[in-house]
Amino acid sequence: MLITSDATEVAAILRDGGVVAYPTEAVWGLGCDPFNKAAVERILTLKSRPVEKGLILVAGAAQHLEPWREILEYPAFTRLIEVTERPTSWVVPDTLITPDWVRGQHSGVAIRLSQHEPVQTLCMAYNGVLVSTSANPAGLEPARSKEEVMTYFSDQLDAIYDAPLGTAEQPSQVLDLMTGKQFRA
């Protein structure tokens, strides 16, 4: 397993179908190319997470969300890309862009435009959205350090992006983009 602070190296591993850990706004996350079914299945296996639950996607810049601009009306897309005080993942109606192995049993996908610099840097190096799910097996607390990631997953990951964790106290809230309904506080 590679441990590096070079986002370009991690992005190359992601493009090759790898699974990586990286620091998000509040906890460490596991990520991969959401359009690579085998990589997503690896994450689900590592977490013992059923595919039906779905996964969150994270973007580092509004340009990474361009595919969803085509399916959303202007006010909804503007809400998706606006800066929020608290990390927010928006559930976007989508059965055309995001594969069902990411959406799970849902007719939408949760997407977050991150304000956390390491996530932005990684997404920019990758040039797209990534899967963003907490780095922990089911039933255990999300990792809050690189060492906890290594304890949970030892040599089962392809890389760890060694960068600072954000200062948010909780993982992102999850809200419906169209109605504002809260799914996760």
C-alpha atoms as a PDB file:
ATOM      1  CA  MET A   1       0.000   0.000   0.000  1.00  0.00           C
ATOM      2  CA  LEU A   2       1.245   3.449  -0.943  1.00  0.00           C
ATOM      3  CA  ILE A   3       1.083   6.248   1.635  1.00  0.00           C
ATOM      4  CA  THR A   4       1.658   9.592  -0.055  1.00  0.00           C
ATOM      5  CA  SER A   5       0.794  13.255   0.107  1.00  0.00           C
ATOM      6  CA  ASP A   6       1.016  13.468  -3.700  1.00  0.00           C
ATOM      7  CA  ALA A   7      -2.531  13.750  -5.060  1.00  0.00           C
ATOM      8  CA  THR A   8      -1.312  12.989  -8.593  1.00  0.00           C
ATOM      9  CA  GLU A   9      -0.037   9.573  -7.488  1.00  0.00           C
ATOM     10  CA  VAL A  10      -3.314   8.797  -5.720  1.00  0.00           C
ATOM     11  CA  ALA A  11      -5.334   9.957  -8.745  1.00  0.00           C
ATOM     12  CA  ALA A  12      -3.380   7.571 -10.987  1.00  0.00           C
ATOM     13  CA  ILE A  13      -4.246   4.701  -8.639  1.00  0.00           C
ATOM     14  CA  LEU A  14      -7.917   5.725  -8.741  1.00  0.00           C
ATOM     15  CA  ARG A  15      -7.880   5.792 -12.555  1.00  0.00           C
ATOM     16  CA  ASP A  16      -6.406   2.270 -12.506  1.00  0.00           C
ATOM     17  CA  GLY A  17      -9.363   1.003 -10.454  1.00  0.00           C
ATOM     18  CA  GLY A  18      -7.779   1.380  -7.034  1.00  0.00           C
ATOM     19  CA  VAL A  19      -9.425   1.972  -3.662  1.00  0.00           C
ATOM     20  CA  VAL A  20      -7.924   4.686  -1.480  1.00  0.00           C
ATOM     21  CA  ALA A  21      -8.442   6.326   1.901  1.00  0.00           C
ATOM     22  CA  TYR A  22      -8.404  10.113   2.181  1.00  0.00           C
ATOM     23  CA  PRO A  23      -9.263  12.747   4.791  1.00  0.00           C
ATOM     24  CA  THR A  24     -12.598  14.501   4.429  1.00  0.00           C
ATOM     25  CA  GLU A  25     -14.163  17.372   6.334  1.00  0.00           C
ATOM     26  CA  ALA A  26     -14.734  15.348   9.546  1.00  0.00           C
ATOM     27  CA  VAL A  27     -13.648  11.718   9.125  1.00  0.00           C
ATOM     28  CA  TRP A  28     -11.481   9.630   6.840  1.00  0.00           C
ATOM     29  CA  GLY A  29     -13.200   8.334   3.739  1.00  0.00           C
ATOM     30  CA  LEU A  30     -12.795   5.499   1.283  1.00  0.00           C
ATOM     31  CA  GLY A  31     -12.916   6.434  -2.363  1.00  0.00           C
ATOM     32  CA  CYS A  32     -12.769   5.075  -5.863  1.00  0.00           C
ATOM     33  CA  ASP A  33     -13.968   5.780  -9.390  1.00  0.00           C
ATOM     34  CA  PRO A  34     -17.775   5.577  -9.095  1.00  0.00           C
ATOM     35  CA  PHE A  35     -18.036   4.293 -12.663  1.00  0.00           C
ATOM     36  CA  ASN A  36     -15.727   1.336 -11.955  1.00  0.00           C
ATOM     37  CA  LYS A  37     -18.062  -1.392 -10.682  1.00  0.00           C
ATOM     38  CA  ALA A  38     -15.261  -3.649  -9.400  1.00  0.00           C
ATOM     39  CA  ALA A  39     -13.745  -0.806  -7.348  1.00  0.00           C
ATOM     40  CA  VAL A  40     -17.131   0.113  -5.846  1.00  0.00           C
ATOM     41  CA  GLU A  41     -17.767  -3.549  -5.027  1.00  0.00           C
ATOM     42  CA  ARG A  42     -14.392  -3.676  -3.239  1.00  0.00           C
ATOM     43  CA  ILE A  43     -15.395  -0.744  -1.038  1.00  0.00           C
ATOM     44  CA  LEU A  44     -18.737  -2.340  -0.242  1.00  0.00           C
ATOM     45  CA  THR A  45     -16.953  -5.569   0.714  1.00  0.00           C
ATOM     46  CA  LEU A  46     -14.389  -3.733   2.874  1.00  0.00           C
ATOM     47  CA  LYS A  47     -17.190  -1.983   4.735  1.00  0.00           C
ATOM     48  CA  SER A  48     -19.602  -4.967   4.777  1.00  0.00           C
ATOM     49  CA  ARG A  49     -22.110  -2.503   3.321  1.00  0.00           C
ATOM     50  CA  PRO A  50     -25.053  -3.675   1.217  1.00  0.00           C
ATOM     51  CA  VAL A  51     -25.200  -2.151  -2.270  1.00  0.00           C
ATOM     52  CA  GLU A  52     -28.858  -1.222  -1.680  1.00  0.00           C
ATOM     53  CA  LYS A  53     -27.855   1.558   0.747  1.00  0.00           C
ATOM     54  CA  GLY A  54     -26.050   3.548  -1.941  1.00  0.00           C
ATOM     55  CA  LEU A  55     -22.952   5.710  -1.626  1.00  0.00           C
ATOM     56  CA  ILE A  56     -22.140   9.420  -1.605  1.00  0.00           C
ATOM     57  CA  LEU A  57     -20.142  11.116  -4.344  1.00  0.00           C
ATOM     58  CA  VAL A  58     -17.783  14.000  -3.643  1.00  0.00           C
ATOM     59  CA  ALA A  59     -16.593  16.720  -6.012  1.00  0.00           C
ATOM     60  CA  GLY A  60     -13.748  19.160  -5.593  1.00  0.00           C
ATOM     61  CA  ALA A  61     -15.020  21.829  -7.976  1.00  0.00           C
ATOM     62  CA  ALA A  62     -18.278  22.811  -9.665  1.00  0.00           C
ATOM     63  CA  GLN A  63     -16.846  21.709 -13.021  1.00  0.00           C
ATOM     64  CA  HIS A  64     -16.910  18.088 -11.774  1.00  0.00           C
ATOM     65  CA  LEU A  65     -20.693  18.381 -11.452  1.00  0.00           C
ATOM     66  CA  GLU A  66     -21.292  19.408 -15.074  1.00  0.00           C
ATOM     67  CA  PRO A  67     -23.011  16.096 -16.008  1.00  0.00           C
ATOM     68  CA  TRP A  68     -25.751  16.869 -13.468  1.00  0.00           C
ATOM     69  CA  ARG A  69     -26.233  20.396 -14.859  1.00  0.00           C
ATOM     70  CA  GLU A  70     -27.856  18.738 -17.868  1.00  0.00           C
ATOM     71  CA  ILE A  71     -30.564  17.037 -15.766  1.00  0.00           C
ATOM     72  CA  LEU A  72     -31.238  19.746 -13.164  1.00  0.00           C
ATOM     73  CA  GLU A  73     -33.073  23.023 -13.496  1.00  0.00           C
ATOM     74  CA  TYR A  74     -30.944  26.111 -12.862  1.00  0.00           C
ATOM     75  CA  PRO A  75     -32.095  26.803  -9.256  1.00  0.00           C
ATOM     76  CA  ALA A  76     -31.432  23.184  -8.219  1.00  0.00           C
ATOM     77  CA  PHE A  77     -27.992  23.110  -9.838  1.00  0.00           C
ATOM     78  CA  THR A  78     -27.150  26.443  -8.176  1.00  0.00           C
ATOM     79  CA  ARG A  79     -28.094  24.960  -4.789  1.00  0.00           C
ATOM     80  CA  LEU A  80     -25.902  21.902  -5.499  1.00  0.00           C
ATOM     81  CA  ILE A  81     -22.803  24.030  -6.117  1.00  0.00           C
ATOM     82  CA  GLU A  82     -23.285  26.734  -3.489  1.00  0.00           C
ATOM     83  CA  VAL A  83     -20.973  26.898  -0.496  1.00  0.00           C
ATOM     84  CA  THR A  84     -22.698  25.769   2.694  1.00  0.00           C
ATOM     85  CA  GLU A  85     -21.717  26.523   6.271  1.00  0.00           C
ATOM     86  CA  ARG A  86     -21.740  22.822   7.164  1.00  0.00           C
ATOM     87  CA  PRO A  87     -20.614  20.010   4.841  1.00  0.00           C
ATOM     88  CA  THR A  88     -23.758  19.042   2.940  1.00  0.00           C
ATOM     89  CA  SER A  89     -24.454  16.144   0.618  1.00  0.00           C
ATOM     90  CA  TRP A  90     -27.474  16.780  -1.590  1.00  0.00           C
ATOM     91  CA  VAL A  91     -29.637  13.912  -2.846  1.00  0.00           C
ATOM     92  CA  VAL A  92     -29.977  14.619  -6.551  1.00  0.00           C
ATOM     93  CA  PRO A  93     -32.628  12.898  -8.687  1.00  0.00           C
ATOM     94  CA  ASP A  94     -30.595  10.812 -11.121  1.00  0.00           C
ATOM     95  CA  THR A  95     -31.184   7.551 -12.916  1.00  0.00           C
ATOM     96  CA  LEU A  96     -29.253   8.548 -16.044  1.00  0.00           C
ATOM     97  CA  ILE A  97     -25.708   9.419 -14.933  1.00  0.00           C
ATOM     98  CA  THR A  98     -24.814   7.548 -11.754  1.00  0.00           C
ATOM     99  CA  PRO A  99     -24.691   3.738 -11.974  1.00  0.00           C
ATOM    100  CA  ASP A 100     -27.039   1.671  -9.833  1.00  0.00           C
ATOM    101  CA  TRP A 101     -24.083   0.142  -7.969  1.00  0.00           C
ATOM    102  CA  VAL A 102     -23.533   3.650  -6.531  1.00  0.00           C
ATOM    103  CA  ARG A 103     -27.198   4.700  -6.191  1.00  0.00           C
ATOM    104  CA  GLY A 104     -28.279   1.406  -4.610  1.00  0.00           C
ATOM    105  CA  GLN A 105     -32.050   1.109  -4.373  1.00  0.00           C
ATOM    106  CA  HIS A 106     -32.525   4.859  -4.764  1.00  0.00           C
ATOM    107  CA  SER A 107     -33.659   6.981  -7.707  1.00  0.00           C
ATOM    108  CA  GLY A 108     -31.083   9.597  -6.812  1.00  0.00           C
ATOM    109  CA  VAL A 109     -27.543   9.991  -5.603  1.00  0.00           C
ATOM    110  CA  ALA A 110     -26.071  12.037  -2.758  1.00  0.00           C
ATOM    111  CA  ILE A 111     -23.424  14.479  -4.001  1.00  0.00           C
ATOM    112  CA  ARG A 112     -21.245  16.850  -1.993  1.00  0.00           C
ATOM    113  CA  LEU A 113     -19.156  19.725  -3.301  1.00  0.00           C
ATOM    114  CA  SER A 114     -16.374  19.700  -0.729  1.00  0.00           C
ATOM    115  CA  GLN A 115     -14.811  22.842   0.696  1.00  0.00           C
ATOM    116  CA  HIS A 116     -11.998  20.784   2.259  1.00  0.00           C
ATOM    117  CA  GLU A 117      -8.734  21.553   0.443  1.00  0.00           C
ATOM    118  CA  PRO A 118      -7.311  17.981   0.405  1.00  0.00           C
ATOM    119  CA  VAL A 119     -10.550  16.646  -1.107  1.00  0.00           C
ATOM    120  CA  GLN A 120     -10.548  19.459  -3.659  1.00  0.00           C
ATOM    121  CA  THR A 121      -6.921  18.736  -4.551  1.00  0.00           C
ATOM    122  CA  LEU A 122      -7.555  15.008  -4.940  1.00  0.00           C
ATOM    123  CA  CYS A 123     -10.670  15.511  -7.087  1.00  0.00           C
ATOM    124  CA  MET A 124      -8.826  18.052  -9.236  1.00  0.00           C
ATOM    125  CA  ALA A 125      -5.930  15.621  -9.749  1.00  0.00           C
ATOM    126  CA  TYR A 126      -8.437  12.883 -10.606  1.00  0.00           C
ATOM    127  CA  ASN A 127     -10.534  15.345 -12.657  1.00  0.00           C
ATOM    128  CA  GLY A 128     -13.911  14.144 -11.462  1.00  0.00           C
ATOM    129  CA  VAL A 129     -16.167  12.967  -8.686  1.00  0.00           C
ATOM    130  CA  LEU A 130     -15.183  10.163  -6.340  1.00  0.00           C
ATOM    131  CA  VAL A 131     -17.036   7.772  -4.092  1.00  0.00           C
ATOM    132  CA  SER A 132     -16.960   9.176  -0.563  1.00  0.00           C
ATOM    133  CA  THR A 133     -17.940   6.802   2.221  1.00  0.00           C
ATOM    134  CA  SER A 134     -16.624   6.737   5.750  1.00  0.00           C
ATOM    135  CA  ALA A 135     -13.527   4.627   6.343  1.00  0.00           C
ATOM    136  CA  ASN A 136     -14.870   2.020   8.731  1.00  0.00           C
ATOM    137  CA  PRO A 137     -16.295  -1.473   8.656  1.00  0.00           C
ATOM    138  CA  ALA A 138     -20.031  -1.632   9.416  1.00  0.00           C
ATOM    139  CA  GLY A 139     -20.775  -1.137  13.090  1.00  0.00           C
ATOM    140  CA  LEU A 140     -17.490   0.603  13.944  1.00  0.00           C
ATOM    141  CA  GLU A 141     -16.788   4.315  14.336  1.00  0.00           C
ATOM    142  CA  PRO A 142     -15.413   6.131  11.266  1.00  0.00           C
ATOM    143  CA  ALA A 143     -11.634   6.496  11.256  1.00  0.00           C
ATOM    144  CA  ARG A 144     -10.400   9.894  12.408  1.00  0.00           C
ATOM    145  CA  SER A 145      -6.729   9.249  11.723  1.00  0.00           C
ATOM    146  CA  LYS A 146      -4.470   7.574   9.195  1.00  0.00           C
ATOM    147  CA  GLU A 147      -3.515   5.092  11.927  1.00  0.00           C
ATOM    148  CA  GLU A 148      -7.164   4.101  12.472  1.00  0.00           C
ATOM    149  CA  VAL A 149      -7.548   3.585   8.716  1.00  0.00           C
ATOM    150  CA  MET A 150      -4.540   1.275   8.782  1.00  0.00           C
ATOM    151  CA  THR A 151      -5.925  -0.610  11.795  1.00  0.00           C
ATOM    152  CA  TYR A 152      -9.253  -1.162  10.030  1.00  0.00           C
ATOM    153  CA  PHE A 153      -7.960  -2.011   6.570  1.00  0.00           C
ATOM    154  CA  SER A 154      -4.197  -2.761   6.920  1.00  0.00           C
ATOM    155  CA  ASP A 155      -3.055  -3.889   3.451  1.00  0.00           C
ATOM    156  CA  GLN A 156      -6.500  -4.027   1.791  1.00  0.00           C
ATOM    157  CA  LEU A 157      -6.221  -0.520   0.310  1.00  0.00           C
ATOM    158  CA  ASP A 158      -4.135   0.582  -2.651  1.00  0.00           C
ATOM    159  CA  ALA A 159      -3.196   3.965  -1.180  1.00  0.00           C
ATOM    160  CA  ILE A 160      -3.674   6.421   1.642  1.00  0.00           C
ATOM    161  CA  TYR A 161      -3.717  10.101   0.705  1.00  0.00           C
ATOM    162  CA  ASP A 162      -1.728  11.546   3.592  1.00  0.00           C
ATOM    163  CA  ALA A 163      -3.236  14.991   4.140  1.00  0.00           C
ATOM    164  CA  PRO A 164      -4.884  16.817   7.061  1.00  0.00           C
ATOM    165  CA  LEU A 165      -8.347  15.919   8.296  1.00  0.00           C
ATOM    166  CA  GLY A 166     -10.900  18.730   8.248  1.00  0.00           C
ATOM    167  CA  THR A 167     -12.223  20.450  11.342  1.00  0.00           C
ATOM    168  CA  ALA A 168     -15.948  19.645  10.988  1.00  0.00           C
ATOM    169  CA  GLU A 169     -17.347  17.888  14.034  1.00  0.00           C
ATOM    170  CA  GLN A 170     -19.672  15.586  12.066  1.00  0.00           C
ATOM    171  CA  PRO A 171     -19.792  13.987   8.628  1.00  0.00           C
ATOM    172  CA  SER A 172     -21.905  15.807   6.054  1.00  0.00           C
ATOM    173  CA  GLN A 173     -25.581  16.290   6.568  1.00  0.00           C
ATOM    174  CA  VAL A 174     -27.665  14.719   3.802  1.00  0.00           C
ATOM    175  CA  LEU A 175     -30.548  16.768   2.382  1.00  0.00           C
ATOM    176  CA  ASP A 176     -32.884  16.300  -0.572  1.00  0.00           C
ATOM    177  CA  LEU A 177     -31.907  18.831  -3.254  1.00  0.00           C
ATOM    178  CA  MET A 178     -35.479  19.368  -4.415  1.00  0.00           C
ATOM    179  CA  THR A 179     -37.382  19.458  -1.093  1.00  0.00           C
ATOM    180  CA  GLY A 180     -34.781  20.146   1.608  1.00  0.00           C
ATOM    181  CA  LYS A 181     -35.908  17.029   3.508  1.00  0.00           C
ATOM    182  CA  GLN A 182     -33.190  15.872   5.902  1.00  0.00           C
ATOM    183  CA  PHE A 183     -32.020  12.258   5.623  1.00  0.00           C
ATOM    184  CA  ARG A 184     -28.993  12.512   7.947  1.00  0.00           C
ATOM    185  CA  ALA A 185     -28.368  15.231  10.484  1.00  0.00           C
END
